């Protein structure tokens, strides 16, 4: 009886492992890094607004900018706008590395806008304008983006 119990136990464990491997393989296939089609299933421009509010440089370098820039370069979206809002305005005005990344994004077609109220409150509006960033009231433009079907991602 004990031997039969051990055999049954091993069979069940083997079945669980097999199911886990099959499920894991299906998950990995579903997650394979493929470039999304830029035209398939769409009949209008795809638009992404990335609202960057964080004052943390790691968030900018390793998450926000990486995705925003690639969304444009890899043609995941037709239009990509980076919105500099809140503490990110102060960080950008002071960080040369971030400034270089923003310039590179702009050179690749990412539109960059900054909230004038935020930039003024940090005293960096002129510095952002020197970087060729459009500094303006962002409440109405962001509201229009939200109402007109833009995808909005916030960091």
N, C-alpha and C. Protein backbone atom coordinates (compact mmCIF):
# COMPACT_ATOMS: atom_id res chain seq x y z
N UNK A 1 0.83 -1.19 0.00
CA UNK A 1 0.00 0.00 0.00
C UNK A 1 0.87 1.25 0.00
N UNK A 2 1.95 1.21 0.80
CA UNK A 2 2.85 2.34 0.90
C UNK A 2 3.54 2.60 -0.45
N UNK A 3 3.93 1.53 -1.14
CA UNK A 3 4.59 1.65 -2.43
C UNK A 3 3.63 2.25 -3.46
N UNK A 4 2.37 1.82 -3.45
CA UNK A 4 1.37 2.36 -4.36
C UNK A 4 1.14 3.85 -4.08
N UNK A 5 1.18 4.21 -2.82
CA UNK A 5 1.00 5.61 -2.43
C UNK A 5 2.15 6.46 -2.98
N UNK A 6 3.37 5.96 -2.88
CA UNK A 6 4.55 6.66 -3.38
C UNK A 6 4.49 6.81 -4.89
N UNK A 7 4.07 5.77 -5.59
CA UNK A 7 3.95 5.82 -7.06
C UNK A 7 2.90 6.85 -7.46
N UNK A 8 1.75 6.83 -6.78
CA UNK A 8 0.69 7.78 -7.08
C UNK A 8 1.16 9.21 -6.82
N UNK A 9 1.87 9.40 -5.73
CA UNK A 9 2.39 10.71 -5.37
C UNK A 9 3.34 11.22 -6.46
N UNK A 10 4.25 10.36 -6.93
CA UNK A 10 5.19 10.74 -7.98
C UNK A 10 4.46 11.04 -9.28
N UNK A 11 3.43 10.28 -9.59
CA UNK A 11 2.64 10.51 -10.80
C UNK A 11 1.94 11.87 -10.75
N UNK A 12 1.38 12.19 -9.61
CA UNK A 12 0.71 13.48 -9.44
C UNK A 12 1.71 14.62 -9.57
N UNK A 13 2.86 14.49 -8.93
CA UNK A 13 3.90 15.52 -9.01
C UNK A 13 4.35 15.70 -10.46
N UNK A 14 4.54 14.60 -11.18
CA UNK A 14 4.96 14.66 -12.58
C UNK A 14 3.89 15.36 -13.43
N UNK A 15 2.62 15.05 -13.15
CA UNK A 15 1.52 15.68 -13.89
C UNK A 15 1.49 17.19 -13.62
N UNK A 16 1.68 17.58 -12.37
CA UNK A 16 1.68 19.01 -12.01
C UNK A 16 2.84 19.72 -12.71
N UNK A 17 4.00 19.11 -12.70
CA UNK A 17 5.17 19.72 -13.36
C UNK A 17 4.92 19.86 -14.86
N UNK A 18 4.34 18.83 -15.47
CA UNK A 18 4.04 18.87 -16.90
C UNK A 18 3.06 20.00 -17.22
N UNK A 19 2.00 20.11 -16.43
CA UNK A 19 1.02 21.17 -16.63
C UNK A 19 1.67 22.55 -16.45
N UNK A 20 2.51 22.67 -15.44
CA UNK A 20 3.20 23.95 -15.19
C UNK A 20 4.10 24.31 -16.36
N UNK A 21 4.82 23.34 -16.90
CA UNK A 21 5.70 23.61 -18.04
C UNK A 21 4.91 24.01 -19.27
N UNK A 22 3.81 23.34 -19.52
CA UNK A 22 2.96 23.69 -20.66
C UNK A 22 2.39 25.09 -20.49
N UNK A 23 1.88 25.38 -19.31
CA UNK A 23 1.32 26.71 -19.04
C UNK A 23 2.40 27.77 -19.13
N UNK A 24 3.59 27.47 -18.60
CA UNK A 24 4.70 28.42 -18.66
C UNK A 24 5.13 28.69 -20.08
N UNK A 25 5.16 27.66 -20.89
CA UNK A 25 5.52 27.83 -22.30
C UNK A 25 4.49 28.68 -23.03
N UNK A 26 3.22 28.46 -22.74
CA UNK A 26 2.17 29.28 -23.35
C UNK A 26 2.31 30.72 -22.92
N UNK A 27 2.64 30.94 -21.65
CA UNK A 27 2.83 32.31 -21.14
C UNK A 27 4.00 32.98 -21.83
N UNK A 28 5.11 32.26 -21.96
CA UNK A 28 6.29 32.84 -22.61
C UNK A 28 6.01 33.16 -24.07
N UNK A 29 5.28 32.30 -24.76
CA UNK A 29 4.95 32.58 -26.15
C UNK A 29 4.08 33.82 -26.25
N UNK A 30 3.14 33.96 -25.33
CA UNK A 30 2.27 35.14 -25.34
C UNK A 30 3.05 36.40 -25.01
N UNK A 31 4.16 36.27 -24.27
CA UNK A 31 4.94 37.42 -23.85
C UNK A 31 6.16 37.67 -24.74
N UNK A 32 6.30 36.94 -25.85
CA UNK A 32 7.49 37.09 -26.67
C UNK A 32 7.61 38.51 -27.19
N UNK A 33 8.84 39.03 -27.24
CA UNK A 33 9.04 40.42 -27.63
C UNK A 33 8.90 40.61 -29.12
N UNK A 34 7.71 40.97 -29.54
CA UNK A 34 7.46 41.25 -30.94
C UNK A 34 7.10 42.71 -31.06
N UNK A 35 7.51 43.32 -32.14
CA UNK A 35 7.16 44.71 -32.37
C UNK A 35 5.71 44.77 -32.78
N UNK A 36 4.89 45.56 -32.05
CA UNK A 36 3.49 45.67 -32.41
C UNK A 36 3.33 46.27 -33.81
N UNK A 37 2.34 45.82 -34.51
CA UNK A 37 2.05 46.37 -35.83
C UNK A 37 1.59 47.81 -35.68
N UNK A 38 2.04 48.65 -36.59
CA UNK A 38 1.66 50.06 -36.50
C UNK A 38 0.41 50.36 -37.32
N UNK A 39 -0.02 49.43 -38.16
CA UNK A 39 -1.18 49.71 -38.99
C UNK A 39 -2.28 48.69 -38.83
N UNK A 40 -1.96 47.51 -38.38
CA UNK A 40 -2.93 46.44 -38.29
C UNK A 40 -4.07 46.79 -37.35
N UNK A 41 -5.30 46.74 -37.85
CA UNK A 41 -6.46 46.95 -37.00
C UNK A 41 -6.72 48.40 -36.65
N UNK A 42 -6.07 49.34 -37.35
CA UNK A 42 -6.27 50.75 -37.04
C UNK A 42 -6.68 51.49 -38.30
N UNK A 43 -7.51 52.47 -38.13
CA UNK A 43 -7.85 53.30 -39.27
C UNK A 43 -7.63 54.78 -38.94
N UNK A 44 -6.95 55.06 -37.86
CA UNK A 44 -6.60 56.43 -37.52
C UNK A 44 -5.28 56.42 -36.76
N UNK A 45 -4.67 57.61 -36.64
CA UNK A 45 -3.39 57.72 -35.93
C UNK A 45 -3.53 57.26 -34.49
N UNK A 46 -2.52 56.56 -34.02
CA UNK A 46 -2.47 56.21 -32.60
C UNK A 46 -1.67 57.28 -31.88
N UNK A 47 -2.14 57.67 -30.70
CA UNK A 47 -1.56 58.80 -30.00
C UNK A 47 -1.31 58.45 -28.54
N UNK A 48 -0.09 58.78 -28.08
CA UNK A 48 0.30 58.52 -26.70
C UNK A 48 0.77 59.81 -26.05
N UNK A 49 0.22 60.10 -24.89
CA UNK A 49 0.71 61.19 -24.05
C UNK A 49 1.33 60.56 -22.81
N UNK A 50 2.61 60.86 -22.57
CA UNK A 50 3.31 60.38 -21.39
C UNK A 50 3.42 61.57 -20.44
N UNK A 51 2.72 61.48 -19.32
CA UNK A 51 2.73 62.56 -18.33
C UNK A 51 3.79 62.21 -17.29
N UNK A 52 4.86 63.00 -17.30
CA UNK A 52 6.00 62.77 -16.42
C UNK A 52 5.94 63.75 -15.26
N UNK A 53 5.67 63.23 -14.07
CA UNK A 53 5.52 64.08 -12.88
C UNK A 53 6.60 63.82 -11.84
N UNK A 54 7.29 62.71 -11.94
CA UNK A 54 8.22 62.30 -10.90
C UNK A 54 9.48 63.14 -10.88
N UNK A 55 9.94 63.46 -9.68
CA UNK A 55 11.21 64.15 -9.50
C UNK A 55 12.37 63.19 -9.29
N UNK A 56 12.14 61.91 -9.51
CA UNK A 56 13.16 60.87 -9.31
C UNK A 56 13.89 60.63 -10.63
N UNK A 57 15.19 60.87 -10.69
CA UNK A 57 15.92 60.66 -11.95
C UNK A 57 15.92 59.21 -12.43
N UNK A 58 15.88 58.25 -11.53
CA UNK A 58 15.83 56.84 -11.95
C UNK A 58 14.53 56.54 -12.69
N UNK A 59 13.43 57.11 -12.24
CA UNK A 59 12.15 56.91 -12.93
C UNK A 59 12.25 57.49 -14.34
N UNK A 60 12.87 58.65 -14.46
CA UNK A 60 13.02 59.27 -15.78
C UNK A 60 13.89 58.41 -16.69
N UNK A 61 15.11 58.09 -16.24
CA UNK A 61 16.06 57.38 -17.09
C UNK A 61 15.63 55.95 -17.41
N UNK A 62 15.16 55.23 -16.41
CA UNK A 62 14.99 53.80 -16.57
C UNK A 62 13.57 53.35 -16.90
N UNK A 63 12.63 54.29 -16.84
CA UNK A 63 11.25 53.89 -17.13
C UNK A 63 10.62 54.87 -18.12
N UNK A 64 10.38 56.07 -17.67
CA UNK A 64 9.62 57.05 -18.46
C UNK A 64 10.25 57.33 -19.82
N UNK A 65 11.50 57.75 -19.83
CA UNK A 65 12.14 58.13 -21.09
C UNK A 65 12.35 56.93 -21.99
N UNK A 66 12.71 55.80 -21.39
CA UNK A 66 12.95 54.60 -22.18
C UNK A 66 11.69 54.22 -22.96
N UNK A 67 10.55 54.19 -22.27
CA UNK A 67 9.32 53.81 -22.97
C UNK A 67 8.89 54.89 -23.95
N UNK A 68 8.90 56.13 -23.50
CA UNK A 68 8.45 57.23 -24.35
C UNK A 68 9.25 57.29 -25.65
N UNK A 69 10.55 57.22 -25.54
CA UNK A 69 11.40 57.32 -26.73
C UNK A 69 11.18 56.14 -27.66
N UNK A 70 11.13 54.93 -27.11
CA UNK A 70 10.92 53.75 -27.95
C UNK A 70 9.53 53.71 -28.56
N UNK A 71 8.54 54.25 -27.88
CA UNK A 71 7.19 54.29 -28.44
C UNK A 71 7.18 55.03 -29.76
N UNK A 72 8.03 56.04 -29.87
CA UNK A 72 8.14 56.80 -31.12
C UNK A 72 9.10 56.12 -32.10
N UNK A 73 10.30 55.78 -31.64
CA UNK A 73 11.31 55.20 -32.54
C UNK A 73 10.86 53.87 -33.14
N UNK A 74 10.20 53.04 -32.33
CA UNK A 74 9.77 51.73 -32.79
C UNK A 74 8.39 51.77 -33.47
N UNK A 75 7.83 52.97 -33.54
CA UNK A 75 6.53 53.19 -34.21
C UNK A 75 5.39 52.43 -33.54
N UNK A 76 5.48 52.33 -32.20
CA UNK A 76 4.38 51.72 -31.46
C UNK A 76 3.18 52.67 -31.47
N UNK A 77 3.45 53.97 -31.57
CA UNK A 77 2.42 55.00 -31.69
C UNK A 77 2.85 55.96 -32.78
N UNK A 78 1.88 56.53 -33.47
CA UNK A 78 2.19 57.51 -34.51
C UNK A 78 2.61 58.84 -33.91
N UNK A 79 1.90 59.27 -32.89
CA UNK A 79 2.21 60.53 -32.22
C UNK A 79 2.55 60.23 -30.76
N UNK A 80 3.65 60.82 -30.28
CA UNK A 80 4.04 60.66 -28.88
C UNK A 80 4.36 62.05 -28.33
N UNK A 81 3.71 62.38 -27.22
CA UNK A 81 3.95 63.65 -26.55
C UNK A 81 4.37 63.37 -25.12
N UNK A 82 5.48 63.99 -24.71
CA UNK A 82 5.93 63.93 -23.33
C UNK A 82 5.49 65.21 -22.65
N UNK A 83 4.73 65.08 -21.56
CA UNK A 83 4.26 66.25 -20.81
C UNK A 83 5.06 66.32 -19.51
N UNK A 84 5.82 67.40 -19.37
CA UNK A 84 6.63 67.64 -18.17
C UNK A 84 5.74 68.39 -17.20
N UNK A 85 5.48 67.77 -16.03
CA UNK A 85 4.48 68.32 -15.12
C UNK A 85 4.99 68.17 -13.68
N UNK A 86 4.94 69.22 -12.91
CA UNK A 86 5.30 69.15 -11.50
C UNK A 86 6.80 69.05 -11.28
N UNK A 87 7.22 68.23 -10.30
CA UNK A 87 8.64 68.14 -9.93
C UNK A 87 9.56 67.74 -11.07
N UNK A 88 9.04 67.10 -12.10
CA UNK A 88 9.89 66.73 -13.23
C UNK A 88 10.45 67.96 -13.93
N UNK A 89 9.74 69.09 -13.89
CA UNK A 89 10.23 70.32 -14.52
C UNK A 89 11.51 70.80 -13.84
N UNK A 90 11.52 70.79 -12.54
CA UNK A 90 12.71 71.21 -11.79
C UNK A 90 13.87 70.26 -12.04
N UNK A 91 13.59 68.95 -12.05
CA UNK A 91 14.62 67.95 -12.29
C UNK A 91 15.22 68.13 -13.69
N UNK A 92 14.38 68.28 -14.69
CA UNK A 92 14.86 68.41 -16.06
C UNK A 92 15.73 69.65 -16.23
N UNK A 93 15.32 70.75 -15.63
CA UNK A 93 16.07 72.00 -15.76
C UNK A 93 17.47 71.89 -15.16
N UNK A 94 17.67 70.99 -14.22
CA UNK A 94 18.95 70.88 -13.51
C UNK A 94 19.83 69.72 -13.97
N UNK A 95 19.29 68.76 -14.70
CA UNK A 95 20.02 67.53 -15.01
C UNK A 95 20.43 67.48 -16.48
N UNK A 96 21.72 67.63 -16.75
CA UNK A 96 22.25 67.66 -18.12
C UNK A 96 22.01 66.33 -18.86
N UNK A 97 22.10 65.21 -18.16
CA UNK A 97 21.87 63.92 -18.80
C UNK A 97 20.42 63.79 -19.28
N UNK A 98 19.49 64.22 -18.43
CA UNK A 98 18.08 64.18 -18.82
C UNK A 98 17.82 65.14 -19.98
N UNK A 99 18.45 66.29 -19.95
CA UNK A 99 18.30 67.25 -21.04
C UNK A 99 18.75 66.65 -22.37
N UNK A 100 19.87 65.93 -22.33
CA UNK A 100 20.37 65.28 -23.55
C UNK A 100 19.38 64.23 -24.05
N UNK A 101 18.80 63.47 -23.13
CA UNK A 101 17.82 62.46 -23.54
C UNK A 101 16.57 63.10 -24.13
N UNK A 102 16.12 64.20 -23.53
CA UNK A 102 14.94 64.89 -24.06
C UNK A 102 15.24 65.43 -25.46
N UNK A 103 16.43 66.00 -25.65
CA UNK A 103 16.80 66.50 -26.98
C UNK A 103 16.79 65.37 -28.00
N UNK A 104 17.32 64.21 -27.62
CA UNK A 104 17.33 63.06 -28.52
C UNK A 104 15.91 62.62 -28.87
N UNK A 105 15.03 62.61 -27.87
CA UNK A 105 13.63 62.26 -28.13
C UNK A 105 13.00 63.25 -29.09
N UNK A 106 13.25 64.54 -28.84
CA UNK A 106 12.69 65.58 -29.71
C UNK A 106 13.22 65.42 -31.14
N UNK A 107 14.51 65.13 -31.28
CA UNK A 107 15.11 64.92 -32.60
C UNK A 107 14.46 63.74 -33.32
N UNK A 108 13.97 62.76 -32.56
CA UNK A 108 13.31 61.58 -33.14
C UNK A 108 11.80 61.75 -33.31
N UNK A 109 11.28 62.93 -32.99
CA UNK A 109 9.87 63.20 -33.26
C UNK A 109 8.94 63.21 -32.07
N UNK A 110 9.47 63.05 -30.86
CA UNK A 110 8.61 63.14 -29.68
C UNK A 110 8.37 64.62 -29.41
N UNK A 111 7.12 64.98 -29.28
CA UNK A 111 6.75 66.36 -28.94
C UNK A 111 6.87 66.50 -27.42
N UNK A 112 7.49 67.58 -26.96
CA UNK A 112 7.67 67.78 -25.53
C UNK A 112 7.02 69.10 -25.13
N UNK A 113 6.15 69.02 -24.14
CA UNK A 113 5.44 70.18 -23.61
C UNK A 113 5.61 70.20 -22.10
N UNK A 114 5.55 71.40 -21.52
CA UNK A 114 5.68 71.52 -20.07
C UNK A 114 4.58 72.44 -19.54
N UNK A 115 4.12 72.12 -18.35
CA UNK A 115 3.10 72.92 -17.68
C UNK A 115 3.75 74.23 -17.20
N UNK A 116 3.22 75.36 -17.67
CA UNK A 116 3.78 76.66 -17.31
C UNK A 116 3.60 76.97 -15.83
N UNK A 117 2.49 76.58 -15.25
CA UNK A 117 2.26 76.86 -13.82
C UNK A 117 3.30 76.12 -12.97
N UNK A 118 3.57 74.88 -13.33
CA UNK A 118 4.58 74.10 -12.60
C UNK A 118 5.97 74.68 -12.81
N UNK A 119 6.30 74.93 -14.06
CA UNK A 119 7.63 75.45 -14.38
C UNK A 119 7.86 76.81 -13.71
N UNK A 120 6.84 77.67 -13.74
CA UNK A 120 6.96 78.98 -13.07
C UNK A 120 7.15 78.81 -11.57
N UNK A 121 6.43 77.85 -10.98
CA UNK A 121 6.53 77.67 -9.52
C UNK A 121 7.93 77.21 -9.10
N UNK A 122 8.65 76.55 -10.01
CA UNK A 122 10.02 76.12 -9.73
C UNK A 122 11.05 77.10 -10.30
N UNK A 123 10.57 78.13 -10.99
CA UNK A 123 11.48 79.12 -11.57
C UNK A 123 12.30 78.59 -12.74
N UNK A 124 11.74 77.65 -13.52
CA UNK A 124 12.51 77.03 -14.60
C UNK A 124 11.89 77.20 -15.99
N UNK A 125 10.88 78.03 -16.12
CA UNK A 125 10.21 78.19 -17.42
C UNK A 125 11.18 78.62 -18.51
N UNK A 126 12.02 79.62 -18.23
CA UNK A 126 12.96 80.10 -19.24
C UNK A 126 13.95 79.01 -19.63
N UNK A 127 14.43 78.26 -18.67
CA UNK A 127 15.38 77.18 -18.96
C UNK A 127 14.76 76.13 -19.87
N UNK A 128 13.50 75.77 -19.60
CA UNK A 128 12.82 74.79 -20.44
C UNK A 128 12.59 75.34 -21.85
N UNK A 129 12.24 76.61 -21.95
CA UNK A 129 12.06 77.22 -23.27
C UNK A 129 13.38 77.24 -24.05
N UNK A 130 14.50 77.47 -23.36
CA UNK A 130 15.82 77.42 -24.01
C UNK A 130 16.08 76.05 -24.62
N UNK A 131 15.47 75.02 -24.04
CA UNK A 131 15.61 73.66 -24.54
C UNK A 131 14.64 73.37 -25.69
N UNK A 132 13.91 74.40 -26.12
CA UNK A 132 12.93 74.28 -27.21
C UNK A 132 11.69 73.47 -26.81
N UNK A 133 11.43 73.46 -25.50
CA UNK A 133 10.22 72.80 -24.98
C UNK A 133 9.09 73.82 -25.00
N UNK A 134 7.93 73.38 -25.43
CA UNK A 134 6.75 74.23 -25.46
C UNK A 134 6.21 74.34 -24.02
N UNK A 135 6.32 75.53 -23.43
CA UNK A 135 5.88 75.75 -22.04
C UNK A 135 4.57 76.51 -22.11
N UNK A 136 3.51 75.91 -21.59
CA UNK A 136 2.18 76.52 -21.69
C UNK A 136 1.25 75.90 -20.65
N UNK A 137 0.08 76.48 -20.52
CA UNK A 137 -0.95 75.89 -19.67
C UNK A 137 -1.31 74.52 -20.22
N UNK A 138 -1.23 73.50 -19.41
CA UNK A 138 -1.45 72.13 -19.89
C UNK A 138 -2.79 71.54 -19.50
N UNK A 139 -3.56 72.21 -18.65
CA UNK A 139 -4.86 71.67 -18.27
C UNK A 139 -5.76 71.41 -19.47
N UNK A 140 -6.05 72.43 -20.28
CA UNK A 140 -6.92 72.21 -21.44
C UNK A 140 -6.34 71.23 -22.47
N UNK A 141 -5.05 71.31 -22.84
CA UNK A 141 -4.55 70.33 -23.81
C UNK A 141 -4.62 68.88 -23.31
N UNK A 142 -4.28 68.66 -22.05
CA UNK A 142 -4.35 67.31 -21.52
C UNK A 142 -5.80 66.83 -21.46
N UNK A 143 -6.69 67.71 -21.08
CA UNK A 143 -8.12 67.36 -21.06
C UNK A 143 -8.60 66.97 -22.45
N UNK A 144 -8.17 67.71 -23.45
CA UNK A 144 -8.55 67.38 -24.84
C UNK A 144 -7.97 66.04 -25.26
N UNK A 145 -6.74 65.76 -24.87
CA UNK A 145 -6.14 64.46 -25.18
C UNK A 145 -6.97 63.33 -24.56
N UNK A 146 -7.33 63.51 -23.30
CA UNK A 146 -8.11 62.49 -22.61
C UNK A 146 -9.46 62.27 -23.28
N UNK A 147 -10.10 63.35 -23.69
CA UNK A 147 -11.44 63.27 -24.30
C UNK A 147 -11.41 62.74 -25.73
N UNK A 148 -10.27 62.87 -26.39
CA UNK A 148 -10.23 62.51 -27.81
C UNK A 148 -9.52 61.16 -28.07
N UNK A 149 -9.38 60.35 -27.04
CA UNK A 149 -8.94 58.98 -27.24
C UNK A 149 -7.45 58.73 -27.19
N UNK A 150 -6.66 59.72 -26.78
CA UNK A 150 -5.23 59.46 -26.61
C UNK A 150 -5.04 58.44 -25.51
N UNK A 151 -4.03 57.61 -25.63
CA UNK A 151 -3.60 56.76 -24.53
C UNK A 151 -2.74 57.64 -23.65
N UNK A 152 -2.95 57.58 -22.34
CA UNK A 152 -2.19 58.42 -21.42
C UNK A 152 -1.52 57.53 -20.39
N UNK A 153 -0.21 57.73 -20.27
CA UNK A 153 0.61 56.96 -19.36
C UNK A 153 1.28 57.96 -18.42
N UNK A 154 1.24 57.69 -17.12
CA UNK A 154 1.78 58.64 -16.15
C UNK A 154 2.91 58.02 -15.34
N UNK A 155 3.99 58.76 -15.24
CA UNK A 155 5.13 58.36 -14.41
C UNK A 155 5.40 59.44 -13.39
